[in-house]
C-alpha cells in the first residue's frame, strides 16, 4: 500500500475498511489509528471563529501598547479619536443589521435592545465633541475602509454579518468593561458614566448568561460549509481592519523628530453620519495629521496611549468571548 499505512490507496475520505484491514491495523493496532481516522464532530461556529482568529489575537495581545493601557496611560485627546472611530463603525454595522434583521442568516442573533451601540455612542459624541458633534466627529481613512467593508458585506453578503457582530458585541460585553474602568479612572470621568455610555448595557443584566445565549443562537445558524468558511475568513478580516486602524492612527500621531517641515493638514474628514451615506475610499484625504501644538516630549505617551487603547479593545475584548 502506498502513502500512509491505510486509508489513502482508494482515496477514501473516511475509514476505508478494505485498506484498514489490508494494512494490518485491523489486528495489530486497532484503537489509536482508528480513532484518529474518524471524522471530527462539527465545531460550533463560535468556537471556530475563536480558533480561526487565534493568530491575529496573539499578534494583538503581545504588544507593549496593551500593557501601557493597563497601567492607565490614556488621555482625553486619544480617547476622543478612538470613540469617534467606534461611532462610525457601529453606525455602519447597525445600519446593515437592520437591513438583515429578518433574514434567516441573522435573525436568531438580532438583539437591538440588548446590544446596539449607536445611540450610546451618540451620547458619547455629544459629551466629547459638543452639541454640534455631527459636524465635528472625524472619520479617518482606515475607519472609512472599515465602514465601507461593513456596507459591502451587508448589501452583498449579509450572511457574513454575524462575524462582525459576534466579534464586536461579545467583546464589548467582556473586556470592554475592564477598559471602561481604566478609562474612567485615568480620565477622571464622573461615576455617573458620562462619556462612557458605549460601555454600558442596561438591557443586559447578566453578561455571562447573555453571551451564552448569543453563542447558542449563533451556533444554531444554518449555513453550508462554503458559507461557514467565508464567515471565518470575515472574522479574521474584522481583526485586520482593526489593526489597519491602529497603524494609521500611530502614523498620524507619532511625532517625526527629524522632520523639520511644517505639519501638513489633518488627514481626517468630518461629516454628518446621520445621513447614512458612507464615503468611498477615493473621497478620503490621504494627508498626514496635524499634530497638536505641543512639544514632541509629551506626545510620545499620548501616542502610546491611543494605540494601547485600540489594541486592548480587540485583544482584551474579543478573546474574553
Protein backbone atom coordinates (compact mmCIF):
# COMPACT_ATOMS: atom_id res chain seq x y z
CA UNK A 1 0.00 0.00 0.00
CA UNK A 2 1.37 3.44 -0.94
CA UNK A 3 1.41 6.63 1.09
CA UNK A 4 0.07 6.31 4.63
CA UNK A 5 -0.36 2.84 6.07
CA UNK A 6 -4.08 2.81 5.39
CA UNK A 7 -6.95 4.80 4.00
CA UNK A 8 -5.16 6.55 1.11
CA UNK A 9 -4.89 3.94 -1.62
CA UNK A 10 -8.58 4.20 -2.52
CA UNK A 11 -8.80 7.97 -1.89
CA UNK A 12 -11.42 7.43 0.84
CA UNK A 13 -12.49 10.48 2.78
CA UNK A 14 -13.32 8.43 5.90
CA UNK A 15 -12.22 4.99 7.05
CA UNK A 16 -11.85 2.54 4.17
CA UNK A 17 -12.31 -0.88 5.72
CA UNK A 18 -10.55 -2.78 2.95
CA UNK A 19 -7.44 -0.63 3.27
CA UNK A 20 -7.74 -0.68 7.05
CA UNK A 21 -7.55 -4.45 7.30
CA UNK A 22 -5.18 -4.90 4.36
CA UNK A 23 -2.69 -2.66 6.16
CA UNK A 24 -2.70 -4.93 9.17
CA UNK A 25 -4.02 -2.30 11.56
CA UNK A 26 -7.23 -4.22 11.98
CA UNK A 27 -5.30 -6.76 14.06
CA UNK A 28 -2.05 -5.18 15.13
CA UNK A 29 -3.05 -1.77 16.46
CA UNK A 30 -6.74 -1.06 16.02
CA UNK A 31 -7.55 1.65 18.52
CA UNK A 32 -5.32 4.75 18.11
CA UNK A 33 -5.27 4.87 14.31
CA UNK A 34 -8.96 4.04 14.01
CA UNK A 35 -9.94 6.85 16.33
CA UNK A 36 -7.83 9.42 14.51
CA UNK A 37 -9.40 8.39 11.22
CA UNK A 38 -12.95 9.12 12.33
CA UNK A 39 -14.28 12.47 11.11
CA UNK A 40 -14.39 15.15 13.79
CA UNK A 41 -17.72 16.30 15.09
CA UNK A 42 -18.72 19.69 13.64
CA UNK A 43 -17.22 22.52 15.68
CA UNK A 44 -19.55 25.20 16.99
CA UNK A 45 -19.35 28.38 14.96
CA UNK A 46 -18.38 30.50 17.96
CA UNK A 47 -15.51 28.15 18.78
CA UNK A 48 -14.48 28.01 15.14
CA UNK A 49 -14.26 31.81 14.96
CA UNK A 50 -12.13 31.93 18.08
CA UNK A 51 -9.83 29.25 16.67
CA UNK A 52 -9.59 30.91 13.26
CA UNK A 53 -8.62 34.27 14.75
CA UNK A 54 -6.17 32.93 17.31
CA UNK A 55 -3.07 34.02 15.41
CA UNK A 56 -4.32 37.57 14.90
CA UNK A 57 -5.26 37.73 18.55
CA UNK A 58 -1.76 36.69 19.56
CA UNK A 59 -0.28 39.48 17.46
CA UNK A 60 -2.51 42.00 19.21
CA UNK A 61 -2.13 40.87 22.81
CA UNK A 62 1.69 40.66 22.71
CA UNK A 63 2.16 44.39 22.25
CA UNK A 64 3.69 46.94 24.57
CA UNK A 65 0.75 49.24 23.93
CA UNK A 66 -1.75 46.99 25.65
CA UNK A 67 0.45 46.72 28.71
CA UNK A 68 0.73 50.51 28.82
CA UNK A 69 -3.01 50.93 28.69
CA UNK A 70 -3.44 48.56 31.60
CA UNK A 71 -1.25 51.00 33.54
CA UNK A 72 -3.82 53.71 32.90
CA UNK A 73 -1.92 55.67 30.27
CA UNK A 74 -4.82 57.29 28.41
CA UNK A 75 -5.53 60.93 27.53
CA UNK A 76 -8.75 62.70 26.56
CA UNK A 77 -7.40 63.51 23.09
CA UNK A 78 -6.60 59.89 22.31
CA UNK A 79 -9.84 58.64 23.79
CA UNK A 80 -11.89 61.04 21.66
CA UNK A 81 -10.36 59.69 18.45
CA UNK A 82 -11.00 56.11 19.49
CA UNK A 83 -14.62 56.81 20.31
CA UNK A 84 -15.12 58.67 17.03
CA UNK A 85 -13.93 55.64 15.07
CA UNK A 86 -16.22 53.39 17.08
CA UNK A 87 -19.17 55.65 16.33
CA UNK A 88 -18.69 55.39 12.57
CA UNK A 89 -18.09 51.63 12.74
CA UNK A 90 -21.16 50.85 14.81
CA UNK A 91 -23.38 53.22 12.84
CA UNK A 92 -22.50 51.27 9.69
CA UNK A 93 -22.74 47.85 11.33
CA UNK A 94 -26.15 48.52 12.81
CA UNK A 95 -27.49 50.05 9.61
CA UNK A 96 -26.69 46.77 7.85
CA UNK A 97 -28.01 44.67 10.73
CA UNK A 98 -31.36 46.44 10.43
CA UNK A 99 -31.36 45.61 6.74
CA UNK A 100 -30.91 41.89 7.55
CA UNK A 101 -32.95 41.71 10.74
CA UNK A 102 -35.49 39.27 9.24
CA UNK A 103 -33.01 37.19 7.27
CA UNK A 104 -32.51 33.57 8.43
CA UNK A 105 -28.76 34.25 8.31
CA UNK A 106 -29.02 36.87 11.07
CA UNK A 107 -32.47 36.93 12.70
CA UNK A 108 -31.55 34.47 15.52
CA UNK A 109 -28.83 36.85 16.77
CA UNK A 110 -30.79 40.09 16.35
CA UNK A 111 -30.74 41.75 19.79
CA UNK A 112 -31.13 45.50 19.21
CA UNK A 113 -32.38 46.40 22.70
CA UNK A 114 -29.60 44.47 24.39
CA UNK A 115 -26.64 45.21 22.14
CA UNK A 116 -26.91 48.10 19.71
CA UNK A 117 -24.39 50.84 20.42
CA UNK A 118 -25.21 53.70 18.07
CA UNK A 119 -27.50 55.57 20.45
CA UNK A 120 -25.00 55.23 23.30
CA UNK A 121 -22.18 56.43 21.07
CA UNK A 122 -24.23 59.45 20.02
CA UNK A 123 -24.41 60.39 23.70
CA UNK A 124 -20.64 59.98 23.96
CA UNK A 125 -20.05 62.08 20.84
CA UNK A 126 -22.10 64.90 22.35
CA UNK A 127 -20.06 64.65 25.55
CA UNK A 128 -16.67 64.69 23.81
CA UNK A 129 -17.35 66.88 20.77
CA UNK A 130 -20.17 69.16 21.92
CA UNK A 131 -23.70 69.84 20.64
CA UNK A 132 -22.50 70.21 17.02
CA UNK A 133 -20.71 66.88 17.13
CA UNK A 134 -22.15 65.65 13.84
CA UNK A 135 -20.11 68.30 12.07
CA UNK A 136 -17.01 67.76 14.20
CA UNK A 137 -16.53 64.00 14.57
CA UNK A 138 -13.52 62.90 12.50
CA UNK A 139 -13.52 59.83 10.27
CA UNK A 140 -10.06 58.58 9.35
CA UNK A 141 -9.22 56.74 6.10
CA UNK A 142 -8.84 53.42 7.91
CA UNK A 143 -12.17 53.95 9.64
CA UNK A 144 -13.73 54.67 6.25
CA UNK A 145 -12.34 51.41 4.87
CA UNK A 146 -13.82 49.54 7.81
CA UNK A 147 -17.18 51.25 7.26
CA UNK A 148 -17.06 50.52 3.55
CA UNK A 149 -16.43 46.82 4.19
CA UNK A 150 -19.38 46.62 6.56
CA UNK A 151 -21.66 48.11 3.92
CA UNK A 152 -20.29 45.77 1.26
CA UNK A 153 -21.00 42.76 3.46
CA UNK A 154 -24.44 43.95 4.48
CA UNK A 155 -25.57 44.63 0.92
CA UNK A 156 -23.88 41.82 -0.99
CA UNK A 157 -23.05 39.09 1.56
CA UNK A 158 -25.36 39.55 4.57
CA UNK A 159 -24.68 36.01 5.72
CA UNK A 160 -21.24 37.27 6.82
CA UNK A 161 -22.58 39.98 9.13
CA UNK A 162 -22.60 37.55 12.03
CA UNK A 163 -18.79 37.52 12.00
CA UNK A 164 -18.63 41.27 12.63
CA UNK A 165 -21.50 41.31 15.11
CA UNK A 166 -20.09 38.46 17.19
CA UNK A 167 -16.54 39.76 17.39
CA UNK A 168 -17.64 43.28 18.29
CA UNK A 169 -20.63 42.89 20.61
CA UNK A 170 -19.42 40.00 22.70
CA UNK A 171 -16.09 41.73 23.03
CA UNK A 172 -17.87 44.83 24.30
CA UNK A 173 -19.61 42.72 26.92
CA UNK A 174 -16.33 41.17 28.04
CA UNK A 175 -13.05 43.05 28.12
CA UNK A 176 -14.74 46.30 27.27
CA UNK A 177 -15.99 46.50 30.83
CA UNK A 178 -12.39 46.41 32.07
CA UNK A 179 -11.47 49.18 29.66
CA UNK A 180 -14.34 51.29 30.95
CA UNK A 181 -12.98 51.21 34.50
CA UNK A 182 -9.46 52.02 33.36
CA UNK A 183 -10.58 54.95 31.20
CA UNK A 184 -12.90 56.27 33.89
CA UNK A 185 -10.10 56.37 36.44
CA UNK A 186 -7.40 57.67 34.10
CA UNK A 187 -9.57 60.43 32.64
CA UNK A 188 -11.23 61.40 35.90
CA UNK A 189 -14.70 60.90 34.45
CA UNK A 190 -17.78 61.11 36.70
CA UNK A 191 -19.05 57.97 38.34
CA UNK A 192 -22.38 58.56 36.58
CA UNK A 193 -20.77 57.21 33.41
CA UNK A 194 -20.85 60.36 31.27
CA UNK A 195 -18.62 59.98 28.25
CA UNK A 196 -18.65 56.19 28.62
CA UNK A 197 -22.19 55.28 27.56
CA UNK A 198 -20.73 52.99 24.90
CA UNK A 199 -19.58 50.58 27.60
CA UNK A 200 -22.93 50.44 29.43
CA UNK A 201 -25.51 47.75 28.55
CA UNK A 202 -28.66 48.41 30.56
CA UNK A 203 -30.51 45.70 28.63
CA UNK A 204 -28.03 43.02 29.71
CA UNK A 205 -28.25 42.49 33.49
CA UNK A 206 -26.09 39.36 33.34
CA UNK A 207 -23.37 39.48 30.68
CA UNK A 208 -22.24 35.88 31.19
CA UNK A 209 -25.69 34.41 30.68
CA UNK A 210 -26.39 36.65 27.72
CA UNK A 211 -23.17 35.64 25.99
CA UNK A 212 -24.12 32.01 26.44
CA UNK A 213 -27.49 32.72 24.85
CA UNK A 214 -25.89 34.61 21.97
CA UNK A 215 -23.41 31.82 21.26
CA UNK A 216 -26.17 29.23 21.32
CA UNK A 217 -28.24 31.27 18.87
CA UNK A 218 -25.26 31.81 16.62
CA UNK A 219 -24.31 28.15 16.69
CA UNK A 220 -27.85 27.33 15.57
CA UNK A 221 -27.49 29.30 12.34
CA UNK A 222 -27.81 27.02 9.34
CA UNK A 223 -25.10 27.50 6.76
CA UNK A 224 -23.31 25.49 4.14
CA UNK A 225 -19.63 24.59 4.61
CA UNK A 226 -18.77 27.19 1.99
CA UNK A 227 -20.62 29.96 3.85
CA UNK A 228 -19.10 28.85 7.14
CA UNK A 229 -15.65 29.12 5.61
CA UNK A 230 -16.38 32.66 4.44
CA UNK A 231 -17.73 33.63 7.87
CA UNK A 232 -14.45 32.53 9.46
CA UNK A 233 -12.48 34.46 6.87
CA UNK A 234 -14.59 37.54 7.53
CA UNK A 235 -13.91 37.31 11.26
CA UNK A 236 -10.19 37.43 10.51
CA UNK A 237 -10.81 40.35 8.16
CA UNK A 238 -12.50 42.22 11.00
CA UNK A 239 -9.34 41.87 13.09
CA UNK A 240 -7.19 43.06 10.21
CA UNK A 241 -9.38 46.11 9.68
CA UNK A 242 -8.85 47.00 13.33
CA UNK A 243 -5.09 46.51 13.03
CA UNK A 244 -5.03 48.82 9.99
CA UNK A 245 -6.81 51.40 12.11
CA UNK A 246 -4.17 51.07 14.83
CA UNK A 247 -1.35 51.50 12.34
CA UNK A 248 -2.94 54.52 10.70
CA UNK A 249 -3.51 56.35 13.95
CA UNK A 250 0.05 55.61 15.00
CA UNK A 251 1.27 57.23 11.80
CA UNK A 252 -1.00 60.22 12.29
CA UNK A 253 0.03 60.87 15.87
CA UNK A 254 3.67 59.77 16.10
CA UNK A 255 5.94 62.85 16.08
CA UNK A 256 8.62 62.86 13.40
CA UNK A 257 11.59 64.08 15.40
CA UNK A 258 13.76 64.70 12.33
CA UNK A 259 11.05 66.19 10.16
CA UNK A 260 11.50 69.96 10.29
CA UNK A 261 8.89 70.76 7.67
CA UNK A 262 5.64 72.46 8.75
CA UNK A 263 2.91 70.00 9.78
CA UNK A 264 0.55 69.04 6.98
CA UNK A 265 -3.20 69.29 7.19
CA UNK A 266 -5.15 66.70 9.10
CA UNK A 267 -5.79 63.56 7.08
CA UNK A 268 -9.28 63.22 8.52
CA UNK A 269 -12.59 64.47 7.27
CA UNK A 270 -15.78 65.43 9.03
CA UNK A 271 -19.28 64.53 8.04
CA UNK A 272 -22.79 64.18 9.42
CA UNK A 273 -23.18 60.46 9.84
CA UNK A 274 -26.91 60.75 10.35
CA UNK A 275 -27.31 60.95 6.57
CA UNK A 276 -26.32 57.29 6.38
CA UNK A 277 -24.03 57.80 3.34
CA UNK A 278 -20.53 56.49 3.93
CA UNK A 279 -17.58 57.93 1.98
CA UNK A 280 -15.79 55.90 -0.64
CA UNK A 281 -12.07 55.38 -0.34
CA UNK A 282 -11.47 57.87 -3.15
CA UNK A 283 -13.17 60.58 -1.12
CA UNK A 284 -10.93 60.17 1.91
CA UNK A 285 -8.00 62.62 2.15
CA UNK A 286 -4.63 60.95 2.34
CA UNK A 287 -2.66 63.66 4.14
CA UNK A 288 -0.96 63.31 7.48
CA UNK A 289 -2.49 64.52 10.70
CA UNK A 290 -1.62 67.90 12.06
CA UNK A 291 -0.15 67.35 15.47
CA UNK A 292 -1.36 69.33 18.46
CA UNK A 293 0.67 72.39 19.33
CA UNK A 294 2.77 70.70 21.95
CA UNK A 295 6.40 69.83 22.22
CA UNK A 296 7.38 66.39 20.99
CA UNK A 297 8.18 65.22 24.51
CA UNK A 298 4.66 64.88 25.90
CA UNK A 299 3.37 63.44 22.65
CA UNK A 300 5.05 60.07 22.99
CA UNK A 301 2.92 58.78 25.89
CA UNK A 302 -0.10 60.27 24.12
CA UNK A 303 0.65 58.19 21.05
CA UNK A 304 1.28 55.07 23.06
CA UNK A 305 -1.97 55.62 24.91
CA UNK A 306 -4.04 55.76 21.72
CA UNK A 307 -2.55 52.61 20.29
CA UNK A 308 -2.79 50.84 23.61
CA UNK A 309 -6.49 51.55 23.91
CA UNK A 310 -7.20 50.37 20.37
CA UNK A 311 -5.19 47.18 20.67
CA UNK A 312 -6.64 46.47 24.08
CA UNK A 313 -10.16 46.92 22.75
CA UNK A 314 -9.65 43.99 20.38
CA UNK A 315 -7.16 41.86 22.26
CA UNK A 316 -8.77 42.11 25.69
CA UNK A 317 -12.35 42.23 24.49
CA UNK A 318 -12.65 39.74 21.69
CA UNK A 319 -10.77 36.97 23.42
CA UNK A 320 -12.68 37.29 26.60
CA UNK A 321 -15.55 35.91 24.47
